[in-house]
Amino acid sequence: FCWYNHQIMTDCCGKGSIWSGEPKGSDENFSGLDSYVSRPAGSPEKAVVIATDIFGYKFRNSRLIADAISEAGFLCVIPDLTNGDPLDLEQMNRAANRMDVIGPWLARHGPDETMPALDGVLRWLRNEHGAKTVGIVGYCWGGRFSVLEAATDNIDAFVAAHPSRIAIPDEIEPIRKPGLFVLAETDSAFPELAVAATKDILAKKSGIDFEYAFYPGTVHGFAVRGDETNQLVNKARDDSLAATIAFFKKHL
């Protein structure tokens, strides 16, 4: 079996809702990258990095997620992994053909372009900032990078929320860190077949905790761009964030 979904991106990847609320963190240069940083009280020894979706580190929803993670006691950093080239959600919501925009963008922002910067942030947190444990949560486009980091010693635990463009088995078999997969019911970027193959591979890794949180009635992107006016989606969004925080409290 080989699932290689680099070419499978859905219309859901380029649309969504912008949430209410105002971020409370700050814009900083963090390990050489423009970043959003949300700091808890005190001197935290645990850190979480958010690998965003295609809308980048300035996207309000991602910043609100960072604030919630920070309120749980973690230093939370959102580095600009798009290198100053994010897509704009409001423009994408109006676009006639989103894939005409998303396809070329993805070609500019693969692992070769993104992973060195992400590696640098994660190592800097541990080696220079003094974090004793480091986690990563990736959404959509960023979900793939959280999975790739799980094959390294840069992190201690990962969360992949409705990830996209993952090569299975090639990018799942090397995983050696505990992980949580946040799963949408309807998601052609990480569908049931890919989920089943992932579970089968990871079930053979004894002694490593892997969890799967499935949310009925949701679509790809719900955890970071879900419609907060939809009661079911809003609850799934909140529950998935609570599950993410609980997983990091368990493993960091």
C-alpha atoms as a PDB file:
ATOM      1  CA  PHE A   1       0.000   0.000   0.000  1.00  0.00           C
ATOM      2  CA  CYS A   2       1.238   3.494  -0.813  1.00  0.00           C
ATOM      3  CA  TRP A   3      -0.713   6.660  -0.252  1.00  0.00           C
ATOM      4  CA  TYR A   4       1.013   9.708  -1.640  1.00  0.00           C
ATOM      5  CA  ASN A   5      -1.374  12.611  -1.533  1.00  0.00           C
ATOM      6  CA  HIS A   6       0.866  15.494  -2.583  1.00  0.00           C
ATOM      7  CA  GLN A   7      -1.529  16.332  -5.395  1.00  0.00           C
ATOM      8  CA  ILE A   8      -4.730  16.051  -3.398  1.00  0.00           C
ATOM      9  CA  MET A   9      -5.796  19.432  -2.104  1.00  0.00           C
ATOM     10  CA  THR A  10      -9.436  20.281  -1.784  1.00  0.00           C
ATOM     11  CA  ASP A  11     -11.499  23.421  -2.070  1.00  0.00           C
ATOM     12  CA  CYS A  12     -11.671  23.381   1.742  1.00  0.00           C
ATOM     13  CA  CYS A  13      -7.944  24.185   1.881  1.00  0.00           C
ATOM     14  CA  GLY A  14      -8.584  27.696   0.619  1.00  0.00           C
ATOM     15  CA  LYS A  15     -11.637  28.821   2.550  1.00  0.00           C
ATOM     16  CA  GLY A  16     -12.934  29.233   6.058  1.00  0.00           C
ATOM     17  CA  SER A  17     -13.967  31.664   8.759  1.00  0.00           C
ATOM     18  CA  ILE A  18     -12.102  34.307  10.722  1.00  0.00           C
ATOM     19  CA  TRP A  19     -12.875  34.066  14.420  1.00  0.00           C
ATOM     20  CA  SER A  20     -13.835  36.770  16.863  1.00  0.00           C
ATOM     21  CA  GLY A  21     -11.424  37.841  19.572  1.00  0.00           C
ATOM     22  CA  GLU A  22      -8.182  39.769  19.772  1.00  0.00           C
ATOM     23  CA  PRO A  23      -4.779  38.113  20.135  1.00  0.00           C
ATOM     24  CA  LYS A  24      -2.863  38.998  23.298  1.00  0.00           C
ATOM     25  CA  GLY A  25       0.692  38.035  22.350  1.00  0.00           C
ATOM     26  CA  SER A  26       3.411  39.991  20.575  1.00  0.00           C
ATOM     27  CA  ASP A  27       5.226  40.108  17.260  1.00  0.00           C
ATOM     28  CA  GLU A  28       8.886  39.297  17.734  1.00  0.00           C
ATOM     29  CA  ASN A  29      11.955  38.185  15.854  1.00  0.00           C
ATOM     30  CA  PHE A  30      12.357  34.679  17.193  1.00  0.00           C
ATOM     31  CA  SER A  31      15.402  32.682  16.186  1.00  0.00           C
ATOM     32  CA  GLY A  32      15.795  34.926  13.146  1.00  0.00           C
ATOM     33  CA  LEU A  33      12.186  34.591  11.975  1.00  0.00           C
ATOM     34  CA  ASP A  34       9.278  36.996  12.249  1.00  0.00           C
ATOM     35  CA  SER A  35       7.005  35.278  14.746  1.00  0.00           C
ATOM     36  CA  TYR A  36       3.996  35.617  16.993  1.00  0.00           C
ATOM     37  CA  VAL A  37       4.873  34.780  20.587  1.00  0.00           C
ATOM     38  CA  SER A  38       2.389  34.163  23.390  1.00  0.00           C
ATOM     39  CA  ARG A  39       3.963  33.881  26.825  1.00  0.00           C
ATOM     40  CA  PRO A  40       2.397  32.462  29.976  1.00  0.00           C
ATOM     41  CA  ALA A  41       3.093  33.837  33.411  1.00  0.00           C
ATOM     42  CA  GLY A  42       6.384  32.895  34.977  1.00  0.00           C
ATOM     43  CA  SER A  43       9.298  31.196  33.254  1.00  0.00           C
ATOM     44  CA  PRO A  44       7.894  28.245  31.318  1.00  0.00           C
ATOM     45  CA  GLU A  45      10.126  25.264  30.645  1.00  0.00           C
ATOM     46  CA  LYS A  46       7.709  23.796  28.125  1.00  0.00           C
ATOM     47  CA  ALA A  47       7.218  25.206  24.637  1.00  0.00           C
ATOM     48  CA  VAL A  48       4.882  24.565  21.706  1.00  0.00           C
ATOM     49  CA  VAL A  49       5.441  25.675  18.128  1.00  0.00           C
ATOM     50  CA  ILE A  50       2.521  26.080  15.731  1.00  0.00           C
ATOM     51  CA  ALA A  51       3.135  25.148  12.093  1.00  0.00           C
ATOM     52  CA  THR A  52       0.318  27.075  10.461  1.00  0.00           C
ATOM     53  CA  ASP A  53      -1.904  26.454   7.497  1.00  0.00           C
ATOM     54  CA  ILE A  54      -1.318  28.339   4.240  1.00  0.00           C
ATOM     55  CA  PHE A  55      -2.538  31.597   5.808  1.00  0.00           C
ATOM     56  CA  GLY A  56       0.576  32.091   7.877  1.00  0.00           C
ATOM     57  CA  TYR A  57       1.615  33.441  11.240  1.00  0.00           C
ATOM     58  CA  LYS A  58      -0.410  36.666  11.102  1.00  0.00           C
ATOM     59  CA  PHE A  59      -3.722  34.808  10.692  1.00  0.00           C
ATOM     60  CA  ARG A  60      -5.886  35.762  13.677  1.00  0.00           C
ATOM     61  CA  ASN A  61      -7.232  32.262  14.292  1.00  0.00           C
ATOM     62  CA  SER A  62      -3.758  30.790  14.652  1.00  0.00           C
ATOM     63  CA  ARG A  63      -2.837  33.540  17.110  1.00  0.00           C
ATOM     64  CA  LEU A  64      -5.924  32.874  19.194  1.00  0.00           C
ATOM     65  CA  ILE A  65      -4.974  29.196  19.309  1.00  0.00           C
ATOM     66  CA  ALA A  66      -1.476  30.195  20.466  1.00  0.00           C
ATOM     67  CA  ASP A  67      -2.961  32.311  23.240  1.00  0.00           C
ATOM     68  CA  ALA A  68      -5.089  29.389  24.445  1.00  0.00           C
ATOM     69  CA  ILE A  69      -2.044  27.102  24.502  1.00  0.00           C
ATOM     70  CA  SER A  70      -0.089  29.769  26.366  1.00  0.00           C
ATOM     71  CA  GLU A  71      -2.861  30.140  28.944  1.00  0.00           C
ATOM     72  CA  ALA A  72      -2.385  26.431  29.651  1.00  0.00           C
ATOM     73  CA  GLY A  73       1.207  27.151  30.714  1.00  0.00           C
ATOM     74  CA  PHE A  74       3.255  26.735  27.536  1.00  0.00           C
ATOM     75  CA  LEU A  75       5.401  29.257  25.731  1.00  0.00           C
ATOM     76  CA  CYS A  76       3.788  29.245  22.285  1.00  0.00           C
ATOM     77  CA  VAL A  77       5.524  30.444  19.131  1.00  0.00           C
ATOM     78  CA  ILE A  78       4.170  30.786  15.595  1.00  0.00           C
ATOM     79  CA  PRO A  79       7.136  31.301  13.251  1.00  0.00           C
ATOM     80  CA  ASP A  80       6.648  32.696   9.762  1.00  0.00           C
ATOM     81  CA  LEU A  81       7.210  29.471   7.872  1.00  0.00           C
ATOM     82  CA  THR A  82       5.817  31.024   4.672  1.00  0.00           C
ATOM     83  CA  ASN A  83       8.830  33.361   4.429  1.00  0.00           C
ATOM     84  CA  GLY A  84       6.622  36.444   4.120  1.00  0.00           C
ATOM     85  CA  ASP A  85       4.415  34.823   1.493  1.00  0.00           C
ATOM     86  CA  PRO A  86       1.132  33.719   3.127  1.00  0.00           C
ATOM     87  CA  LEU A  87      -2.163  33.490   1.313  1.00  0.00           C
ATOM     88  CA  ASP A  88      -5.053  35.735   2.368  1.00  0.00           C
ATOM     89  CA  LEU A  89      -8.207  33.991   3.570  1.00  0.00           C
ATOM     90  CA  GLU A  90     -10.641  36.753   2.650  1.00  0.00           C
ATOM     91  CA  GLN A  91      -9.236  36.921  -0.882  1.00  0.00           C
ATOM     92  CA  MET A  92      -9.341  33.148  -1.178  1.00  0.00           C
ATOM     93  CA  ASN A  93     -12.970  33.069  -0.020  1.00  0.00           C
ATOM     94  CA  ARG A  94     -13.780  35.315  -3.000  1.00  0.00           C
ATOM     95  CA  ALA A  95     -11.578  33.521  -5.536  1.00  0.00           C
ATOM     96  CA  ALA A  96     -13.301  31.886  -8.508  1.00  0.00           C
ATOM     97  CA  ASN A  97     -10.814  29.006  -8.637  1.00  0.00           C
ATOM     98  CA  ARG A  98      -8.832  28.625  -5.429  1.00  0.00           C
ATOM     99  CA  MET A  99      -6.676  25.811  -6.752  1.00  0.00           C
ATOM    100  CA  ASP A 100      -5.212  28.095  -9.402  1.00  0.00           C
ATOM    101  CA  VAL A 101      -3.709  30.032  -6.494  1.00  0.00           C
ATOM    102  CA  ILE A 102      -2.995  27.233  -4.035  1.00  0.00           C
ATOM    103  CA  GLY A 103      -1.158  24.961  -6.481  1.00  0.00           C
ATOM    104  CA  PRO A 104       1.647  27.384  -7.403  1.00  0.00           C
ATOM    105  CA  TRP A 105       1.918  28.493  -3.765  1.00  0.00           C
ATOM    106  CA  LEU A 106       2.458  24.931  -2.592  1.00  0.00           C
ATOM    107  CA  ALA A 107       5.132  24.458  -5.228  1.00  0.00           C
ATOM    108  CA  ARG A 108       7.039  27.338  -3.608  1.00  0.00           C
ATOM    109  CA  HIS A 109       6.630  26.055  -0.054  1.00  0.00           C
ATOM    110  CA  GLY A 110       7.638  22.420   0.214  1.00  0.00           C
ATOM    111  CA  PRO A 111       9.795  20.717   2.859  1.00  0.00           C
ATOM    112  CA  ASP A 112      13.067  21.859   1.252  1.00  0.00           C
ATOM    113  CA  GLU A 113      11.999  25.481   1.672  1.00  0.00           C
ATOM    114  CA  THR A 114      10.270  25.141   5.036  1.00  0.00           C
ATOM    115  CA  MET A 115      11.944  22.513   7.197  1.00  0.00           C
ATOM    116  CA  PRO A 116      15.326  24.259   7.717  1.00  0.00           C
ATOM    117  CA  ALA A 117      13.609  27.295   9.263  1.00  0.00           C
ATOM    118  CA  LEU A 118      11.354  25.121  11.410  1.00  0.00           C
ATOM    119  CA  ASP A 119      14.289  22.979  12.543  1.00  0.00           C
ATOM    120  CA  GLY A 120      16.108  26.147  13.571  1.00  0.00           C
ATOM    121  CA  VAL A 121      13.252  27.429  15.717  1.00  0.00           C
ATOM    122  CA  LEU A 122      12.771  24.105  17.479  1.00  0.00           C
ATOM    123  CA  ARG A 123      16.474  23.702  18.219  1.00  0.00           C
ATOM    124  CA  TRP A 124      16.783  27.294  19.377  1.00  0.00           C
ATOM    125  CA  LEU A 125      13.948  26.819  21.845  1.00  0.00           C
ATOM    126  CA  ARG A 126      15.725  23.897  23.446  1.00  0.00           C
ATOM    127  CA  ASN A 127      19.358  24.942  23.138  1.00  0.00           C
ATOM    128  CA  GLU A 128      19.193  28.729  23.574  1.00  0.00           C
ATOM    129  CA  HIS A 129      15.858  29.556  25.190  1.00  0.00           C
ATOM    130  CA  GLY A 130      16.092  26.792  27.769  1.00  0.00           C
ATOM    131  CA  ALA A 131      12.928  24.830  27.009  1.00  0.00           C
ATOM    132  CA  LYS A 132      13.223  21.382  28.550  1.00  0.00           C
ATOM    133  CA  THR A 133      10.462  19.924  26.385  1.00  0.00           C
ATOM    134  CA  VAL A 134       9.146  21.071  23.004  1.00  0.00           C
ATOM    135  CA  GLY A 135       5.992  20.133  21.117  1.00  0.00           C
ATOM    136  CA  ILE A 136       4.631  21.035  17.712  1.00  0.00           C
ATOM    137  CA  VAL A 137       1.079  21.280  16.407  1.00  0.00           C
ATOM    138  CA  GLY A 138       0.539  21.599  12.674  1.00  0.00           C
ATOM    139  CA  TYR A 139      -2.654  22.532  10.864  1.00  0.00           C
ATOM    140  CA  CYS A 140      -3.401  21.491   7.267  1.00  0.00           C
ATOM    141  CA  TRP A 141      -0.255  22.483   5.305  1.00  0.00           C
ATOM    142  CA  GLY A 142       1.640  22.678   8.595  1.00  0.00           C
ATOM    143  CA  GLY A 143       0.391  19.265   9.669  1.00  0.00           C
ATOM    144  CA  ARG A 144       2.827  17.588   7.332  1.00  0.00           C
ATOM    145  CA  PHE A 145       5.748  19.386   8.952  1.00  0.00           C
ATOM    146  CA  SER A 146       4.682  18.293  12.429  1.00  0.00           C
ATOM    147  CA  VAL A 147       4.734  14.712  11.155  1.00  0.00           C
ATOM    148  CA  LEU A 148       8.173  15.168   9.601  1.00  0.00           C
ATOM    149  CA  GLU A 149       9.537  16.621  12.851  1.00  0.00           C
ATOM    150  CA  ALA A 150       8.254  13.539  14.684  1.00  0.00           C
ATOM    151  CA  ALA A 151      11.067  11.608  13.029  1.00  0.00           C
ATOM    152  CA  THR A 152      13.661  13.868  14.703  1.00  0.00           C
ATOM    153  CA  ASP A 153      14.840  14.754  18.198  1.00  0.00           C
ATOM    154  CA  ASN A 154      13.784  18.384  17.742  1.00  0.00           C
ATOM    155  CA  ILE A 155      10.482  17.672  19.503  1.00  0.00           C
ATOM    156  CA  ASP A 156       9.062  15.518  22.269  1.00  0.00           C
ATOM    157  CA  ALA A 157       5.473  15.242  21.008  1.00  0.00           C
ATOM    158  CA  PHE A 158       3.396  16.325  18.023  1.00  0.00           C
ATOM    159  CA  VAL A 159      -0.172  17.032  16.990  1.00  0.00           C
ATOM    160  CA  ALA A 160      -1.277  16.893  13.350  1.00  0.00           C
ATOM    161  CA  ALA A 161      -4.660  18.511  12.729  1.00  0.00           C
ATOM    162  CA  HIS A 162      -6.264  17.428   9.444  1.00  0.00           C
ATOM    163  CA  PRO A 163      -2.820  17.283   7.796  1.00  0.00           C
ATOM    164  CA  SER A 164      -2.291  17.382   4.054  1.00  0.00           C
ATOM    165  CA  ARG A 165       0.271  16.213   1.484  1.00  0.00           C
ATOM    166  CA  ILE A 166       1.668  13.389   3.626  1.00  0.00           C
ATOM    167  CA  ALA A 167       3.410  10.530   1.852  1.00  0.00           C
ATOM    168  CA  ILE A 168       2.275   7.207   3.291  1.00  0.00           C
ATOM    169  CA  PRO A 169       4.111   5.044   4.254  1.00  0.00           C
ATOM    170  CA  ASP A 170       7.298   7.046   3.592  1.00  0.00           C
ATOM    171  CA  GLU A 171       6.600   9.909   6.005  1.00  0.00           C
ATOM    172  CA  ILE A 172       4.709   7.895   8.624  1.00  0.00           C
ATOM    173  CA  GLU A 173       7.073   4.972   9.175  1.00  0.00           C
ATOM    174  CA  PRO A 174       9.947   7.151  10.530  1.00  0.00           C
ATOM    175  CA  ILE A 175       7.782   8.670  13.298  1.00  0.00           C
ATOM    176  CA  ARG A 176       9.264   8.017  16.754  1.00  0.00           C
ATOM    177  CA  LYS A 177       7.572  10.581  18.992  1.00  0.00           C
ATOM    178  CA  PRO A 178       4.126  10.476  20.635  1.00  0.00           C
ATOM    179  CA  GLY A 179       1.429  12.002  18.474  1.00  0.00           C
ATOM    180  CA  LEU A 180      -2.199  13.027  18.295  1.00  0.00           C
ATOM    181  CA  PHE A 181      -4.073  13.146  14.988  1.00  0.00           C
ATOM    182  CA  VAL A 182      -7.070  15.498  14.880  1.00  0.00           C
ATOM    183  CA  LEU A 183      -9.368  14.141  12.183  1.00  0.00           C
ATOM    184  CA  ALA A 184     -12.241  15.631  10.204  1.00  0.00           C
ATOM    185  CA  GLU A 185     -15.082  13.453   8.958  1.00  0.00           C
ATOM    186  CA  THR A 186     -14.800  14.788   5.404  1.00  0.00           C
ATOM    187  CA  ASP A 187     -11.197  15.293   4.319  1.00  0.00           C
ATOM    188  CA  SER A 188      -9.892  14.205   0.928  1.00  0.00           C
ATOM    189  CA  ALA A 189      -6.424  15.443   1.906  1.00  0.00           C
ATOM    190  CA  PHE A 190      -6.286  12.861   4.732  1.00  0.00           C
ATOM    191  CA  PRO A 191      -9.221  10.514   4.089  1.00  0.00           C
ATOM    192  CA  GLU A 192     -10.275   7.282   5.776  1.00  0.00           C
ATOM    193  CA  LEU A 193      -7.896   5.172   3.696  1.00  0.00           C
ATOM    194  CA  ALA A 194      -4.921   7.323   4.733  1.00  0.00           C
ATOM    195  CA  VAL A 195      -6.028   7.326   8.369  1.00  0.00           C
ATOM    196  CA  ALA A 196      -6.357   3.528   8.356  1.00  0.00           C
ATOM    197  CA  ALA A 197      -2.914   3.092   6.811  1.00  0.00           C
ATOM    198  CA  THR A 198      -1.403   5.504   9.340  1.00  0.00           C
ATOM    199  CA  LYS A 199      -2.984   3.649  12.249  1.00  0.00           C
ATOM    200  CA  ASP A 200      -1.747   0.310  10.908  1.00  0.00           C
ATOM    201  CA  ILE A 201       1.833   1.562  10.633  1.00  0.00           C
ATOM    202  CA  LEU A 202       1.925   3.295  14.009  1.00  0.00           C
ATOM    203  CA  ALA A 203       0.243   0.382  15.825  1.00  0.00           C
ATOM    204  CA  LYS A 204       3.434  -1.601  15.248  1.00  0.00           C
ATOM    205  CA  LYS A 205       5.513   0.915  17.229  1.00  0.00           C
ATOM    206  CA  SER A 206       5.304  -0.442  20.761  1.00  0.00           C
ATOM    207  CA  GLY A 207       5.829   1.889  23.666  1.00  0.00           C
ATOM    208  CA  ILE A 208       4.903   5.100  21.814  1.00  0.00           C
ATOM    209  CA  ASP A 209       1.566   6.764  22.497  1.00  0.00           C
ATOM    210  CA  PHE A 210      -0.532   7.590  19.432  1.00  0.00           C
ATOM    211  CA  GLU A 211      -4.037   8.979  19.737  1.00  0.00           C
ATOM    212  CA  TYR A 212      -6.754   9.828  17.223  1.00  0.00           C
ATOM    213  CA  ALA A 213      -9.502  12.374  17.836  1.00  0.00           C
ATOM    214  CA  PHE A 214     -12.314  12.119  15.275  1.00  0.00           C
ATOM    215  CA  TYR A 215     -14.949  14.844  14.908  1.00  0.00           C
ATOM    216  CA  PRO A 216     -18.185  13.890  13.095  1.00  0.00           C
ATOM    217  CA  GLY A 217     -19.806  16.496  10.894  1.00  0.00           C
ATOM    218  CA  THR A 218     -16.569  18.398  10.238  1.00  0.00           C
ATOM    219  CA  VAL A 219     -14.514  19.083   7.122  1.00  0.00           C
ATOM    220  CA  HIS A 220     -10.836  19.690   6.460  1.00  0.00           C
ATOM    221  CA  GLY A 221      -9.676  22.860   8.195  1.00  0.00           C
ATOM    222  CA  PHE A 222     -12.284  22.938  10.977  1.00  0.00           C
ATOM    223  CA  ALA A 223      -9.763  23.133  13.843  1.00  0.00           C
ATOM    224  CA  VAL A 224      -8.237  26.365  12.562  1.00  0.00           C
ATOM    225  CA  ARG A 225     -10.848  27.867  10.210  1.00  0.00           C
ATOM    226  CA  GLY A 226     -14.151  26.327  11.339  1.00  0.00           C
ATOM    227  CA  ASP A 227     -17.315  28.431  11.418  1.00  0.00           C
ATOM    228  CA  GLU A 228     -17.760  29.499  15.035  1.00  0.00           C
ATOM    229  CA  THR A 229     -21.430  30.329  14.344  1.00  0.00           C
ATOM    230  CA  ASN A 230     -22.099  26.639  13.604  1.00  0.00           C
ATOM    231  CA  GLN A 231     -22.742  24.970  16.955  1.00  0.00           C
ATOM    232  CA  LEU A 232     -21.450  21.534  15.956  1.00  0.00           C
ATOM    233  CA  VAL A 233     -18.331  22.877  14.237  1.00  0.00           C
ATOM    234  CA  ASN A 234     -17.624  25.334  17.027  1.00  0.00           C
ATOM    235  CA  LYS A 235     -17.799  22.571  19.642  1.00  0.00           C
ATOM    236  CA  ALA A 236     -15.508  20.370  17.542  1.00  0.00           C
ATOM    237  CA  ARG A 237     -13.053  23.259  17.214  1.00  0.00           C
ATOM    238  CA  ASP A 238     -13.042  23.857  20.969  1.00  0.00           C
ATOM    239  CA  ASP A 239     -12.848  20.165  21.790  1.00  0.00           C
ATOM    240  CA  SER A 240      -9.959  19.592  19.390  1.00  0.00           C
ATOM    241  CA  LEU A 241      -8.003  22.442  20.963  1.00  0.00           C
ATOM    242  CA  ALA A 242      -8.701  21.040  24.428  1.00  0.00           C
ATOM    243  CA  ALA A 243      -7.506  17.618  23.240  1.00  0.00           C
ATOM    244  CA  THR A 244      -4.341  19.196  21.811  1.00  0.00           C
ATOM    245  CA  ILE A 245      -3.558  20.952  25.087  1.00  0.00           C
ATOM    246  CA  ALA A 246      -4.301  17.801  27.098  1.00  0.00           C
ATOM    247  CA  PHE A 247      -1.962  15.777  24.885  1.00  0.00           C
ATOM    248  CA  PHE A 248       0.856  18.271  25.388  1.00  0.00           C
ATOM    249  CA  LYS A 249       0.256  18.312  29.147  1.00  0.00           C
ATOM    250  CA  LYS A 250       0.553  14.528  29.076  1.00  0.00           C
ATOM    251  CA  HIS A 251       3.777  14.373  27.062  1.00  0.00           C
ATOM    252  CA  LEU A 252       5.694  17.612  27.636  1.00  0.00           C
END
